[in-house]
């Protein structure tokens, strides 16, 4: 990444403002929602990694490869 890209945090600021607004300005609720979302994504990643390790191809990948 270039130096200017690292210094431009406006998209993070905008995402923070959006998340806080979605939780009606309650910072504790915002943090809780973000932790829950992160845990969900971690669990999904673990499932995907286990499927790949077992030699399974995720359903989305199959449909993309057969469409090509």
PDB file of N, CA and C in Angstrom:
ATOM      1  N   UNK A   1       0.827  -1.189   0.000  1.00  0.00           N
ATOM      2  CA  UNK A   1       0.000   0.000   0.000  1.00  0.00           C
ATOM      3  C   UNK A   1       0.861   1.240   0.000  1.00  0.00           C
ATOM      4  N   UNK A   2       0.398   2.246  -0.646  1.00  0.00           N
ATOM      5  CA  UNK A   2       1.147   3.492  -0.664  1.00  0.00           C
ATOM      6  C   UNK A   2       0.883   4.282   0.612  1.00  0.00           C
ATOM      7  N   UNK A   3       1.771   5.221   0.906  1.00  0.00           N
ATOM      8  CA  UNK A   3       1.641   6.021   2.124  1.00  0.00           C
ATOM      9  C   UNK A   3       0.326   6.796   2.172  1.00  0.00           C
ATOM     10  N   UNK A   4      -0.106   7.460   1.078  1.00  0.00           N
ATOM     11  CA  UNK A   4      -1.383   8.193   1.153  1.00  0.00           C
ATOM     12  C   UNK A   4      -2.568   7.272   1.458  1.00  0.00           C
ATOM     13  N   UNK A   5      -2.550   6.054   0.958  1.00  0.00           N
ATOM     14  CA  UNK A   5      -3.650   5.123   1.226  1.00  0.00           C
ATOM     15  C   UNK A   5      -3.707   4.765   2.708  1.00  0.00           C
ATOM     16  N   UNK A   6      -2.547   4.663   3.346  1.00  0.00           N
ATOM     17  CA  UNK A   6      -2.515   4.347   4.769  1.00  0.00           C
ATOM     18  C   UNK A   6      -3.006   5.515   5.620  1.00  0.00           C
ATOM     19  N   UNK A   7      -2.809   6.734   5.149  1.00  0.00           N
ATOM     20  CA  UNK A   7      -3.200   7.914   5.906  1.00  0.00           C
ATOM     21  C   UNK A   7      -4.671   8.257   5.734  1.00  0.00           C
ATOM     22  N   UNK A   8      -5.320   7.750   4.700  1.00  0.00           N
ATOM     23  CA  UNK A   8      -6.721   8.068   4.443  1.00  0.00           C
ATOM     24  C   UNK A   8      -7.613   7.096   5.208  1.00  0.00           C
ATOM     25  N   UNK A   9      -8.078   7.543   6.350  1.00  0.00           N
ATOM     26  CA  UNK A   9      -8.940   6.714   7.190  1.00  0.00           C
ATOM     27  C   UNK A   9     -10.400   7.107   7.079  1.00  0.00           C
ATOM     28  N   UNK A  10     -10.747   7.894   6.090  1.00  0.00           N
ATOM     29  CA  UNK A  10     -12.109   8.403   6.012  1.00  0.00           C
ATOM     30  C   UNK A  10     -13.142   7.295   5.897  1.00  0.00           C
ATOM     31  N   UNK A  11     -12.793   6.211   5.195  1.00  0.00           N
ATOM     32  CA  UNK A  11     -13.764   5.120   5.083  1.00  0.00           C
ATOM     33  C   UNK A  11     -13.977   4.421   6.420  1.00  0.00           C
ATOM     34  N   UNK A  12     -12.943   4.374   7.260  1.00  0.00           N
ATOM     35  CA  UNK A  12     -13.107   3.803   8.597  1.00  0.00           C
ATOM     36  C   UNK A  12     -13.955   4.717   9.476  1.00  0.00           C
ATOM     37  N   UNK A  13     -13.693   6.012   9.376  1.00  0.00           N
ATOM     38  CA  UNK A  13     -14.483   6.980  10.131  1.00  0.00           C
ATOM     39  C   UNK A  13     -15.948   6.897   9.738  1.00  0.00           C
ATOM     40  N   UNK A  14     -16.198   6.798   8.446  1.00  0.00           N
ATOM     41  CA  UNK A  14     -17.566   6.706   7.941  1.00  0.00           C
ATOM     42  C   UNK A  14     -18.225   5.403   8.417  1.00  0.00           C
ATOM     43  N   UNK A  15     -17.486   4.298   8.387  1.00  0.00           N
ATOM     44  CA  UNK A  15     -18.023   3.013   8.845  1.00  0.00           C
ATOM     45  C   UNK A  15     -18.335   3.060  10.342  1.00  0.00           C
ATOM     46  N   UNK A  16     -17.464   3.707  11.124  1.00  0.00           N
ATOM     47  CA  UNK A  16     -17.716   3.852  12.562  1.00  0.00           C
ATOM     48  C   UNK A  16     -18.973   4.662  12.813  1.00  0.00           C
ATOM     49  N   UNK A  17     -19.082   5.791  12.127  1.00  0.00           N
ATOM     50  CA  UNK A  17     -20.271   6.644  12.275  1.00  0.00           C
ATOM     51  C   UNK A  17     -21.533   5.876  11.917  1.00  0.00           C
ATOM     52  N   UNK A  18     -21.458   5.080  10.865  1.00  0.00           N
ATOM     53  CA  UNK A  18     -22.606   4.305  10.408  1.00  0.00           C
ATOM     54  C   UNK A  18     -22.987   3.236  11.439  1.00  0.00           C
ATOM     55  N   UNK A  19     -21.992   2.534  11.970  1.00  0.00           N
ATOM     56  CA  UNK A  19     -22.255   1.494  12.973  1.00  0.00           C
ATOM     57  C   UNK A  19     -22.867   2.099  14.232  1.00  0.00           C
ATOM     58  N   UNK A  20     -22.337   3.228  14.675  1.00  0.00           N
ATOM     59  CA  UNK A  20     -22.864   3.893  15.868  1.00  0.00           C
ATOM     60  C   UNK A  20     -24.294   4.357  15.626  1.00  0.00           C
ATOM     61  N   UNK A  21     -24.555   4.893  14.455  1.00  0.00           N
ATOM     62  CA  UNK A  21     -25.907   5.348  14.123  1.00  0.00           C
ATOM     63  C   UNK A  21     -26.891   4.183  14.105  1.00  0.00           C
ATOM     64  N   UNK A  22     -26.440   3.037  13.606  1.00  0.00           N
ATOM     65  CA  UNK A  22     -27.310   1.855  13.564  1.00  0.00           C
ATOM     66  C   UNK A  22     -27.675   1.376  14.960  1.00  0.00           C
ATOM     67  N   UNK A  23     -26.859   1.722  15.944  1.00  0.00           N
ATOM     68  CA  UNK A  23     -27.130   1.339  17.334  1.00  0.00           C
ATOM     69  C   UNK A  23     -27.646   2.537  18.132  1.00  0.00           C
ATOM     70  N   UNK A  24     -28.259   3.476  17.442  1.00  0.00           N
ATOM     71  CA  UNK A  24     -28.861   4.660  18.069  1.00  0.00           C
ATOM     72  C   UNK A  24     -27.897   5.434  18.958  1.00  0.00           C
ATOM     73  N   UNK A  25     -26.631   5.464  18.574  1.00  0.00           N
ATOM     74  CA  UNK A  25     -25.640   6.233  19.308  1.00  0.00           C
ATOM     75  C   UNK A  25     -25.105   5.552  20.550  1.00  0.00           C
ATOM     76  N   UNK A  26     -25.556   4.353  20.851  1.00  0.00           N
ATOM     77  CA  UNK A  26     -25.118   3.631  22.037  1.00  0.00           C
ATOM     78  C   UNK A  26     -23.802   2.916  21.721  1.00  0.00           C
ATOM     79  N   UNK A  27     -22.707   3.410  22.292  1.00  0.00           N
ATOM     80  CA  UNK A  27     -21.388   2.861  21.981  1.00  0.00           C
ATOM     81  C   UNK A  27     -21.217   1.434  22.483  1.00  0.00           C
ATOM     82  N   UNK A  28     -21.783   1.117  23.641  1.00  0.00           N
ATOM     83  CA  UNK A  28     -21.678  -0.246  24.168  1.00  0.00           C
ATOM     84  C   UNK A  28     -22.386  -1.236  23.233  1.00  0.00           C
ATOM     85  N   UNK A  29     -23.570  -0.857  22.753  1.00  0.00           N
ATOM     86  CA  UNK A  29     -24.300  -1.711  21.818  1.00  0.00           C
ATOM     87  C   UNK A  29     -23.543  -1.858  20.504  1.00  0.00           C
ATOM     88  N   UNK A  30     -22.891  -0.790  20.072  1.00  0.00           N
ATOM     89  CA  UNK A  30     -22.120  -0.834  18.832  1.00  0.00           C
ATOM     90  C   UNK A  30     -20.960  -1.817  18.956  1.00  0.00           C
ATOM     91  N   UNK A  31     -20.234  -1.722  20.059  1.00  0.00           N
ATOM     92  CA  UNK A  31     -19.101  -2.626  20.279  1.00  0.00           C
ATOM     93  C   UNK A  31     -19.595  -4.067  20.366  1.00  0.00           C
ATOM     94  N   UNK A  32     -20.688  -4.284  21.081  1.00  0.00           N
ATOM     95  CA  UNK A  32     -21.246  -5.635  21.217  1.00  0.00           C
ATOM     96  C   UNK A  32     -21.627  -6.194  19.850  1.00  0.00           C
ATOM     97  N   UNK A  33     -22.281  -5.386  19.025  1.00  0.00           N
ATOM     98  CA  UNK A  33     -22.681  -5.834  17.687  1.00  0.00           C
ATOM     99  C   UNK A  33     -21.466  -6.172  16.832  1.00  0.00           C
ATOM    100  N   UNK A  34     -20.415  -5.381  16.927  1.00  0.00           N
ATOM    101  CA  UNK A  34     -19.205  -5.644  16.145  1.00  0.00           C
ATOM    102  C   UNK A  34     -18.501  -6.906  16.623  1.00  0.00           C
ATOM    103  N   UNK A  35     -18.484  -7.150  17.935  1.00  0.00           N
ATOM    104  CA  UNK A  35     -17.883  -8.377  18.461  1.00  0.00           C
ATOM    105  C   UNK A  35     -18.681  -9.584  17.978  1.00  0.00           C
ATOM    106  N   UNK A  36     -20.003  -9.487  18.016  1.00  0.00           N
ATOM    107  CA  UNK A  36     -20.848 -10.590  17.558  1.00  0.00           C
ATOM    108  C   UNK A  36     -20.631 -10.859  16.068  1.00  0.00           C
ATOM    109  N   UNK A  37     -20.542  -9.807  15.278  1.00  0.00           N
ATOM    110  CA  UNK A  37     -20.311  -9.976  13.840  1.00  0.00           C
ATOM    111  C   UNK A  37     -18.958 -10.621  13.591  1.00  0.00           C
ATOM    112  N   UNK A  38     -17.958 -10.218  14.349  1.00  0.00           N
ATOM    113  CA  UNK A  38     -16.627 -10.786  14.204  1.00  0.00           C
ATOM    114  C   UNK A  38     -16.625 -12.267  14.563  1.00  0.00           C
ATOM    115  N   UNK A  39     -17.315 -12.630  15.640  1.00  0.00           N
ATOM    116  CA  UNK A  39     -17.389 -14.039  16.034  1.00  0.00           C
ATOM    117  C   UNK A  39     -18.090 -14.874  14.963  1.00  0.00           C
ATOM    118  N   UNK A  40     -19.136 -14.322  14.379  1.00  0.00           N
ATOM    119  CA  UNK A  40     -19.843 -15.020  13.301  1.00  0.00           C
ATOM    120  C   UNK A  40     -18.901 -15.255  12.117  1.00  0.00           C
ATOM    121  N   UNK A  41     -18.162 -14.221  11.725  1.00  0.00           N
ATOM    122  CA  UNK A  41     -17.238 -14.347  10.599  1.00  0.00           C
ATOM    123  C   UNK A  41     -16.107 -15.328  10.905  1.00  0.00           C
ATOM    124  N   UNK A  42     -15.616 -15.327  12.149  1.00  0.00           N
ATOM    125  CA  UNK A  42     -14.576 -16.280  12.532  1.00  0.00           C
ATOM    126  C   UNK A  42     -15.091 -17.713  12.443  1.00  0.00           C
ATOM    127  N   UNK A  43     -16.322 -17.936  12.880  1.00  0.00           N
ATOM    128  CA  UNK A  43     -16.910 -19.284  12.815  1.00  0.00           C
ATOM    129  C   UNK A  43     -17.094 -19.716  11.361  1.00  0.00           C
ATOM    130  N   UNK A  44     -17.548 -18.805  10.517  1.00  0.00           N
ATOM    131  CA  UNK A  44     -17.729 -19.120   9.096  1.00  0.00           C
ATOM    132  C   UNK A  44     -16.388 -19.441   8.446  1.00  0.00           C
ATOM    133  N   UNK A  45     -15.357 -18.695   8.808  1.00  0.00           N
ATOM    134  CA  UNK A  45     -14.021 -18.949   8.271  1.00  0.00           C
ATOM    135  C   UNK A  45     -13.501 -20.312   8.718  1.00  0.00           C
ATOM    136  N   UNK A  46     -13.722 -20.655   9.979  1.00  0.00           N
ATOM    137  CA  UNK A  46     -13.286 -21.962  10.480  1.00  0.00           C
ATOM    138  C   UNK A  46     -13.988 -23.091   9.730  1.00  0.00           C
ATOM    139  N   UNK A  47     -15.279 -22.934   9.466  1.00  0.00           N
ATOM    140  CA  UNK A  47     -16.019 -23.943   8.707  1.00  0.00           C
ATOM    141  C   UNK A  47     -15.465 -24.078   7.295  1.00  0.00           C
ATOM    142  N   UNK A  48     -15.186 -22.965   6.670  1.00  0.00           N
ATOM    143  CA  UNK A  48     -14.636 -22.977   5.320  1.00  0.00           C
ATOM    144  C   UNK A  48     -13.260 -23.625   5.298  1.00  0.00           C
ATOM    145  N   UNK A  49     -12.416 -23.279   6.271  1.00  0.00           N
ATOM    146  CA  UNK A  49     -11.091 -23.879   6.344  1.00  0.00           C
ATOM    147  C   UNK A  49     -11.184 -25.382   6.557  1.00  0.00           C
ATOM    148  N   UNK A  50     -12.122 -25.841   7.391  1.00  0.00           N
ATOM    149  CA  UNK A  50     -12.298 -27.270   7.627  1.00  0.00           C
ATOM    150  C   UNK A  50     -12.764 -27.964   6.354  1.00  0.00           C
ATOM    151  N   UNK A  51     -13.650 -27.329   5.613  1.00  0.00           N
ATOM    152  CA  UNK A  51     -14.139 -27.916   4.365  1.00  0.00           C
ATOM    153  C   UNK A  51     -13.018 -28.025   3.345  1.00  0.00           C
ATOM    154  N   UNK A  52     -12.202 -27.011   3.243  1.00  0.00           N
ATOM    155  CA  UNK A  52     -11.083 -27.027   2.300  1.00  0.00           C
ATOM    156  C   UNK A  52     -10.075 -28.102   2.707  1.00  0.00           C
ATOM    157  N   UNK A  53      -9.789 -28.194   3.996  1.00  0.00           N
ATOM    158  CA  UNK A  53      -8.869 -29.208   4.489  1.00  0.00           C
ATOM    159  C   UNK A  53      -9.381 -30.610   4.189  1.00  0.00           C
ATOM    160  N   UNK A  54     -10.697 -30.786   4.272  1.00  0.00           N
ATOM    161  CA  UNK A  54     -11.306 -32.091   4.005  1.00  0.00           C
ATOM    162  C   UNK A  54     -11.435 -32.365   2.510  1.00  0.00           C
ATOM    163  N   UNK A  55     -11.058 -31.410   1.686  1.00  0.00           N
ATOM    164  CA  UNK A  55     -11.115 -31.596   0.242  1.00  0.00           C
ATOM    165  C   UNK A  55     -12.444 -31.222  -0.380  1.00  0.00           C
ATOM    166  N   UNK A  56     -13.298 -30.599   0.383  1.00  0.00           N
ATOM    167  CA  UNK A  56     -14.597 -30.161  -0.142  1.00  0.00           C
ATOM    168  C   UNK A  56     -14.448 -28.806  -0.808  1.00  0.00           C
ATOM    169  N   UNK A  57     -15.193 -28.622  -1.869  1.00  0.00           N
ATOM    170  CA  UNK A  57     -15.214 -27.325  -2.536  1.00  0.00           C
ATOM    171  C   UNK A  57     -16.504 -26.634  -2.128  1.00  0.00           C
ATOM    172  N   UNK A  58     -16.432 -25.399  -1.631  1.00  0.00           N
ATOM    173  CA  UNK A  58     -17.659 -24.696  -1.234  1.00  0.00           C
ATOM    174  C   UNK A  58     -18.639 -24.580  -2.393  1.00  0.00           C
ATOM    175  N   UNK A  59     -19.915 -24.602  -2.098  1.00  0.00           N
ATOM    176  CA  UNK A  59     -20.978 -24.553  -3.094  1.00  0.00           C
ATOM    177  C   UNK A  59     -20.838 -23.344  -4.018  1.00  0.00           C
ATOM    178  N   UNK A  60     -20.509 -22.187  -3.492  1.00  0.00           N
ATOM    179  CA  UNK A  60     -20.375 -20.990  -4.319  1.00  0.00           C
ATOM    180  C   UNK A  60     -19.260 -21.144  -5.359  1.00  0.00           C
ATOM    181  N   UNK A  61     -18.181 -21.804  -4.975  1.00  0.00           N
ATOM    182  CA  UNK A  61     -17.080 -22.013  -5.918  1.00  0.00           C
ATOM    183  C   UNK A  61     -17.481 -22.958  -7.046  1.00  0.00           C
ATOM    184  N   UNK A  62     -18.280 -23.973  -6.717  1.00  0.00           N
ATOM    185  CA  UNK A  62     -18.736 -24.914  -7.739  1.00  0.00           C
ATOM    186  C   UNK A  62     -19.589 -24.211  -8.778  1.00  0.00           C
ATOM    187  N   UNK A  63     -20.506 -23.389  -8.335  1.00  0.00           N
ATOM    188  CA  UNK A  63     -21.395 -22.724  -9.284  1.00  0.00           C
ATOM    189  C   UNK A  63     -20.623 -21.736 -10.159  1.00  0.00           C
ATOM    190  N   UNK A  64     -19.614 -21.082  -9.583  1.00  0.00           N
ATOM    191  CA  UNK A  64     -18.813 -20.161 -10.386  1.00  0.00           C
ATOM    192  C   UNK A  64     -17.980 -20.903 -11.422  1.00  0.00           C
ATOM    193  N   UNK A  65     -17.386 -22.042 -11.032  1.00  0.00           N
ATOM    194  CA  UNK A  65     -16.523 -22.765 -11.967  1.00  0.00           C
ATOM    195  C   UNK A  65     -17.329 -23.422 -13.078  1.00  0.00           C
ATOM    196  N   UNK A  66     -18.559 -23.847 -12.798  1.00  0.00           N
ATOM    197  CA  UNK A  66     -19.377 -24.468 -13.831  1.00  0.00           C
ATOM    198  C   UNK A  66     -19.985 -23.429 -14.762  1.00  0.00           C
ATOM    199  N   UNK A  67     -20.080 -22.172 -14.308  1.00  0.00           N
ATOM    200  CA  UNK A  67     -20.627 -21.117 -15.140  1.00  0.00           C
ATOM    201  C   UNK A  67     -19.605 -20.607 -16.145  1.00  0.00           C
ATOM    202  N   UNK A  68     -18.333 -20.844 -15.863  1.00  0.00           N
ATOM    203  CA  UNK A  68     -17.262 -20.316 -16.724  1.00  0.00           C
ATOM    204  C   UNK A  68     -17.077 -21.105 -17.985  1.00  0.00           C
TER     205      UNK A  68
END
